[in-house]
Amino acid sequence: MVYRFVLALLLGVSGSLHATKPDPAPALQFLTEHSPPGEYLDENGELAGVTFELLRSISEQLNENVHFELMPWARAFAIATTELNTALFETTRTPSREPLFQWVGPLKIHRIALYARKDRFNVAVPPAYWPQHYIACEYIQSVYLDKLNELGFNEEHNLFQTVQHGDCFNLLLRGRVDIILLSETSAALRAQEVEELGIELVQLNGFIETRQYLAFSRDVPVERVARWQQALLQSYRDGRMRALYHSVYPEEMITALEQVALEQLLLLQNPD
């Protein structure tokens, strides 16, 4: 009788422990677009790029089960706003997008400006008349489409929309469009290609600063998102981000990201 009682007690404890064992966290799908040198498909069709490598290293550090996939931006954005356990990168953070996601970052700090080919653009033409003389270009679902709309460009007459990031630059080189948006970093990275073609770019307006993030869907637990935020900032403090970024991004961006991480650390240490 005592033996049966003890056995039943042990089985009950074992069953209770088994029942309270937490379920593993669901896998995450991380979606991105073609945007070298941050993320792109290499010659073997495999996802590569310095931002992808940084996020992959963090996923391994956190022991996270993450599936990375590259696709056109509009499709990635639609999935990220409708499916569970999803994150999107690199995503510009704006007031209209703020409630759609939980934000981790910044991953990048860019300065964006309008550019045109010098041989096809008359700098004497005032901005108010640009839509009457030129065709602008930007990719579908880009946050900068609103900026071009404000200048008077629209998709029915003088605004060409492409499927992926980078297509507008190629169309500019081919003379198919006249005005595009480029980050200061992208302009510098493409300078040699432009020079070899005998083309000169002219900057049309002053730079505006934008910040790109890893944007998690709203269903992901806040604690899980917070672990990603802290791990990302730690990679800025311990040199991992710098080791990946230094060969392709300007020192000003790297230093700015490190400063963000330092400020967050000081804020945690001195909350008052």
Protein backbone atom coordinates (compact mmCIF):
# COMPACT_ATOMS: atom_id res chain seq x y z
CA MET A 1 0.00 0.00 0.00
CA VAL A 2 2.81 2.41 0.95
CA TYR A 3 4.67 1.46 -2.24
CA ARG A 4 1.61 2.26 -4.38
CA PHE A 5 1.11 5.56 -2.58
CA VAL A 6 4.72 6.65 -3.12
CA LEU A 7 4.62 5.56 -6.76
CA ALA A 8 1.41 7.50 -7.34
CA LEU A 9 2.94 10.52 -5.65
CA LEU A 10 6.07 10.37 -7.81
CA LEU A 11 4.04 9.94 -10.96
CA GLY A 12 1.88 12.89 -9.98
CA VAL A 13 4.92 15.09 -9.37
CA SER A 14 6.47 13.95 -12.65
CA GLY A 15 3.26 14.68 -14.54
CA SER A 16 2.94 18.03 -12.86
CA LEU A 17 6.50 18.98 -13.80
CA HIS A 18 5.91 17.86 -17.36
CA ALA A 19 2.68 19.83 -17.57
CA THR A 20 4.31 23.07 -16.38
CA LYS A 21 7.32 22.85 -18.69
CA PRO A 22 7.15 25.98 -20.87
CA ASP A 23 6.64 25.57 -24.58
CA PRO A 24 9.56 26.63 -26.79
CA ALA A 25 9.25 30.07 -28.32
CA PRO A 26 7.86 29.94 -31.87
CA ALA A 27 10.29 30.40 -34.73
CA LEU A 28 10.64 33.88 -36.20
CA GLN A 29 10.63 34.78 -39.86
CA PHE A 30 12.91 37.71 -40.70
CA LEU A 31 12.03 39.34 -44.03
CA THR A 32 14.22 41.70 -46.02
CA GLU A 33 14.73 43.10 -49.52
CA HIS A 34 17.61 43.33 -51.99
CA SER A 35 19.65 46.25 -50.61
CA PRO A 36 23.41 45.70 -50.87
CA PRO A 37 25.72 45.83 -49.02
CA GLY A 38 23.32 45.23 -46.12
CA GLU A 39 21.42 42.30 -47.59
CA TYR A 40 21.45 40.61 -51.00
CA LEU A 41 21.70 37.21 -52.69
CA ASP A 42 25.25 36.06 -53.45
CA GLU A 43 26.38 34.17 -56.55
CA ASN A 44 25.04 30.94 -55.05
CA GLY A 45 21.63 32.43 -54.40
CA GLU A 46 22.25 32.56 -50.65
CA LEU A 47 21.35 35.52 -48.46
CA ALA A 48 24.42 37.60 -47.63
CA GLY A 49 25.36 41.11 -46.51
CA VAL A 50 26.74 42.82 -43.44
CA THR A 51 23.39 43.61 -41.79
CA PHE A 52 22.19 40.06 -42.38
CA GLU A 53 25.41 38.73 -40.84
CA LEU A 54 24.99 40.95 -37.79
CA LEU A 55 21.41 39.82 -37.19
CA ARG A 56 22.31 36.19 -37.77
CA SER A 57 25.08 36.40 -35.17
CA ILE A 58 22.64 37.93 -32.67
CA SER A 59 20.07 35.18 -33.37
CA GLU A 60 22.76 32.59 -32.55
CA GLN A 61 23.77 34.50 -29.41
CA LEU A 62 20.13 34.53 -28.22
CA ASN A 63 19.59 30.92 -29.31
CA GLU A 64 16.70 32.09 -31.48
CA ASN A 65 15.21 29.97 -34.24
CA VAL A 66 15.12 32.47 -37.13
CA HIS A 67 14.35 31.89 -40.81
CA PHE A 68 15.68 34.67 -43.06
CA GLU A 69 14.12 35.36 -46.47
CA LEU A 70 14.69 38.00 -49.15
CA MET A 71 11.79 39.20 -51.30
CA PRO A 72 10.41 42.40 -52.93
CA TRP A 73 9.78 45.10 -50.34
CA ALA A 74 6.03 45.49 -50.92
CA ARG A 75 5.46 41.77 -50.39
CA ALA A 76 7.69 41.67 -47.31
CA PHE A 77 5.88 44.66 -45.80
CA ALA A 78 2.47 43.08 -46.43
CA ILE A 79 3.52 39.84 -44.74
CA ALA A 80 5.09 41.64 -41.79
CA THR A 81 1.87 43.54 -41.10
CA THR A 82 -0.44 40.51 -41.37
CA GLU A 83 1.42 37.41 -40.17
CA LEU A 84 2.55 36.37 -36.68
CA ASN A 85 6.11 36.00 -35.39
CA THR A 86 7.56 38.15 -38.14
CA ALA A 87 10.19 40.86 -38.35
CA LEU A 88 11.13 43.19 -41.19
CA PHE A 89 14.47 44.87 -41.89
CA GLU A 90 15.78 47.45 -42.70
CA THR A 91 12.62 49.48 -42.02
CA THR A 92 12.47 53.26 -41.86
CA ARG A 93 10.67 54.36 -38.71
CA THR A 94 7.95 56.94 -39.36
CA PRO A 95 4.92 58.22 -37.41
CA SER A 96 2.51 56.34 -39.68
CA ARG A 97 4.39 53.06 -39.24
CA GLU A 98 4.99 53.48 -35.50
CA PRO A 99 1.89 51.56 -34.28
CA LEU A 100 2.37 48.72 -36.77
CA PHE A 101 5.53 47.26 -35.24
CA GLN A 102 7.79 46.91 -32.23
CA TRP A 103 11.08 48.61 -33.04
CA VAL A 104 14.62 47.35 -32.47
CA GLY A 105 17.52 49.53 -33.49
CA PRO A 106 18.56 51.64 -35.15
CA LEU A 107 20.36 49.34 -37.57
CA LYS A 108 21.46 52.23 -39.79
CA ILE A 109 21.48 56.00 -39.72
CA HIS A 110 21.35 57.37 -43.27
CA ARG A 111 21.29 60.80 -44.84
CA ILE A 112 19.01 60.87 -47.90
CA ALA A 113 18.91 63.38 -50.78
CA LEU A 114 17.54 63.74 -54.31
CA TYR A 115 20.00 63.15 -57.15
CA ALA A 116 19.92 63.59 -60.93
CA ARG A 117 22.27 63.13 -63.88
CA LYS A 118 24.05 66.42 -64.50
CA ASP A 119 23.85 65.99 -68.29
CA ARG A 120 20.05 65.56 -68.19
CA PHE A 121 19.08 68.09 -65.53
CA ASN A 122 18.90 71.88 -65.67
CA VAL A 123 19.74 73.18 -62.21
CA ALA A 124 18.16 76.53 -63.11
CA VAL A 125 14.69 74.94 -63.18
CA PRO A 126 12.92 75.68 -59.84
CA PRO A 127 11.70 72.63 -57.84
CA ALA A 128 8.06 73.65 -58.45
CA TYR A 129 8.58 72.93 -62.15
CA TRP A 130 10.47 69.64 -61.82
CA PRO A 131 7.31 67.50 -62.28
CA GLN A 132 6.65 69.24 -65.62
CA HIS A 133 10.08 68.43 -67.02
CA TYR A 134 11.37 65.28 -65.32
CA ILE A 135 10.45 61.73 -64.29
CA ALA A 136 11.18 60.65 -60.73
CA CYS A 137 11.62 57.08 -59.53
CA GLU A 138 11.25 55.20 -56.26
CA TYR A 139 10.31 51.63 -55.31
CA ILE A 140 6.83 50.45 -54.33
CA GLN A 141 5.88 50.96 -50.64
CA SER A 142 8.89 53.20 -50.07
CA VAL A 143 8.44 55.67 -47.25
CA TYR A 144 9.87 58.36 -49.56
CA LEU A 145 7.01 58.21 -52.06
CA ASP A 146 5.19 60.79 -49.95
CA LYS A 147 8.15 63.13 -50.33
CA LEU A 148 8.01 62.83 -54.11
CA ASN A 149 4.23 63.31 -54.05
CA GLU A 150 4.74 66.53 -52.08
CA LEU A 151 7.05 67.77 -54.85
CA GLY A 152 4.29 67.15 -57.40
CA PHE A 153 5.28 63.74 -58.80
CA ASN A 154 2.58 61.08 -59.15
CA GLU A 155 2.48 57.57 -60.58
CA GLU A 156 0.00 58.48 -63.31
CA HIS A 157 2.25 61.01 -65.04
CA ASN A 158 5.84 61.40 -63.84
CA LEU A 159 6.64 58.93 -61.06
CA PHE A 160 7.96 55.49 -61.95
CA GLN A 161 7.73 52.81 -59.22
CA THR A 162 10.00 49.76 -59.26
CA VAL A 163 9.75 46.40 -57.50
CA GLN A 164 12.98 46.51 -55.53
CA HIS A 165 15.52 48.86 -54.06
CA GLY A 166 18.31 49.79 -56.47
CA ASP A 167 16.28 49.53 -59.69
CA CYS A 168 15.82 53.30 -59.88
CA PHE A 169 19.57 53.84 -59.89
CA ASN A 170 19.95 51.50 -62.87
CA LEU A 171 17.13 53.29 -64.70
CA LEU A 172 18.83 56.63 -64.03
CA LEU A 173 22.06 55.37 -65.56
CA ARG A 174 20.14 54.21 -68.63
CA GLY A 175 18.40 57.58 -69.01
CA ARG A 176 14.94 56.15 -68.36
CA VAL A 177 14.28 58.38 -65.32
CA ASP A 178 15.69 61.72 -64.19
CA ILE A 179 15.42 62.04 -60.39
CA ILE A 180 16.03 59.43 -57.69
CA LEU A 181 16.59 59.29 -53.96
CA LEU A 182 19.96 58.06 -52.72
CA SER A 183 21.56 57.86 -49.31
CA GLU A 184 24.92 59.55 -48.88
CA THR A 185 26.36 56.07 -48.35
CA SER A 186 24.86 54.65 -51.55
CA ALA A 187 26.08 57.61 -53.58
CA ALA A 188 29.62 57.06 -52.31
CA LEU A 189 29.50 53.30 -52.93
CA ARG A 190 28.30 53.82 -56.52
CA ALA A 191 30.67 56.68 -57.33
CA GLN A 192 33.18 54.48 -59.17
CA GLU A 193 30.49 52.85 -61.32
CA VAL A 194 29.10 56.25 -62.25
CA GLU A 195 32.56 57.62 -63.06
CA GLU A 196 33.43 54.65 -65.28
CA LEU A 197 30.31 55.36 -67.34
CA GLY A 198 31.30 59.00 -67.75
CA ILE A 199 28.25 60.17 -65.81
CA GLU A 200 28.18 62.86 -63.13
CA LEU A 201 25.46 63.06 -60.48
CA VAL A 202 24.21 66.32 -59.04
CA GLN A 203 22.60 66.58 -55.60
CA LEU A 204 19.33 68.51 -55.78
CA ASN A 205 18.51 69.19 -52.14
CA GLY A 206 19.90 69.00 -48.63
CA PHE A 207 20.18 65.73 -46.77
CA ILE A 208 17.50 64.52 -44.39
CA GLU A 209 18.40 61.96 -41.71
CA THR A 210 16.53 58.67 -41.56
CA ARG A 211 16.93 55.68 -39.28
CA GLN A 212 16.35 52.06 -40.27
CA TYR A 213 15.20 49.40 -37.80
CA LEU A 214 14.38 45.75 -37.26
CA ALA A 215 10.58 45.88 -36.95
CA PHE A 216 8.82 43.05 -35.07
CA SER A 217 5.14 42.20 -35.49
CA ARG A 218 2.96 43.27 -32.57
CA ASP A 219 2.28 39.70 -31.39
CA VAL A 220 5.91 38.97 -30.42
CA PRO A 221 6.25 39.18 -26.62
CA VAL A 222 7.69 42.45 -25.39
CA GLU A 223 10.34 40.62 -23.37
CA ARG A 224 11.57 38.82 -26.47
CA VAL A 225 11.82 42.06 -28.41
CA ALA A 226 13.69 43.68 -25.51
CA ARG A 227 16.31 40.90 -25.59
CA TRP A 228 16.93 41.64 -29.25
CA GLN A 229 17.27 45.35 -28.53
CA GLN A 230 19.81 44.81 -25.79
CA ALA A 231 21.79 42.26 -27.82
CA LEU A 232 21.92 44.63 -30.80
CA LEU A 233 23.18 47.53 -28.69
CA GLN A 234 25.72 45.22 -27.08
CA SER A 235 27.07 44.39 -30.56
CA TYR A 236 27.64 48.13 -31.04
CA ARG A 237 29.56 48.36 -27.77
CA ASP A 238 31.71 45.24 -28.15
CA GLY A 239 32.90 45.96 -31.71
CA ARG A 240 31.00 43.27 -33.65
CA MET A 241 28.98 45.79 -35.62
CA ARG A 242 32.09 47.85 -36.40
CA ALA A 243 33.96 44.77 -37.63
CA LEU A 244 31.18 44.08 -40.15
CA TYR A 245 30.30 47.64 -41.15
CA HIS A 246 33.70 49.33 -41.38
CA SER A 247 34.52 48.15 -44.91
CA VAL A 248 31.25 49.29 -46.49
CA TYR A 249 29.71 52.10 -44.41
CA PRO A 250 31.14 55.52 -43.47
CA GLU A 251 32.82 56.07 -40.14
CA GLU A 252 30.22 58.73 -39.31
CA MET A 253 27.43 56.14 -39.35
CA ILE A 254 29.35 53.60 -37.28
CA THR A 255 30.28 56.22 -34.68
CA ALA A 256 26.67 57.45 -34.53
CA LEU A 257 25.40 53.91 -33.85
CA GLU A 258 28.02 53.38 -31.15
CA GLN A 259 26.95 56.68 -29.59
CA VAL A 260 23.31 55.49 -29.51
CA ALA A 261 24.41 52.34 -27.66
CA LEU A 262 26.50 54.34 -25.19
CA GLU A 263 23.65 56.75 -24.47
CA GLN A 264 21.27 53.85 -23.82
CA LEU A 265 23.77 52.26 -21.44
CA LEU A 266 24.22 55.52 -19.53
CA LEU A 267 20.45 55.89 -19.34
CA LEU A 268 20.11 52.42 -17.78
CA GLN A 269 22.87 53.17 -15.28
CA ASN A 270 21.47 56.59 -14.38
CA PRO A 271 17.68 56.43 -14.86
CA ASP A 272 17.19 59.74 -13.03
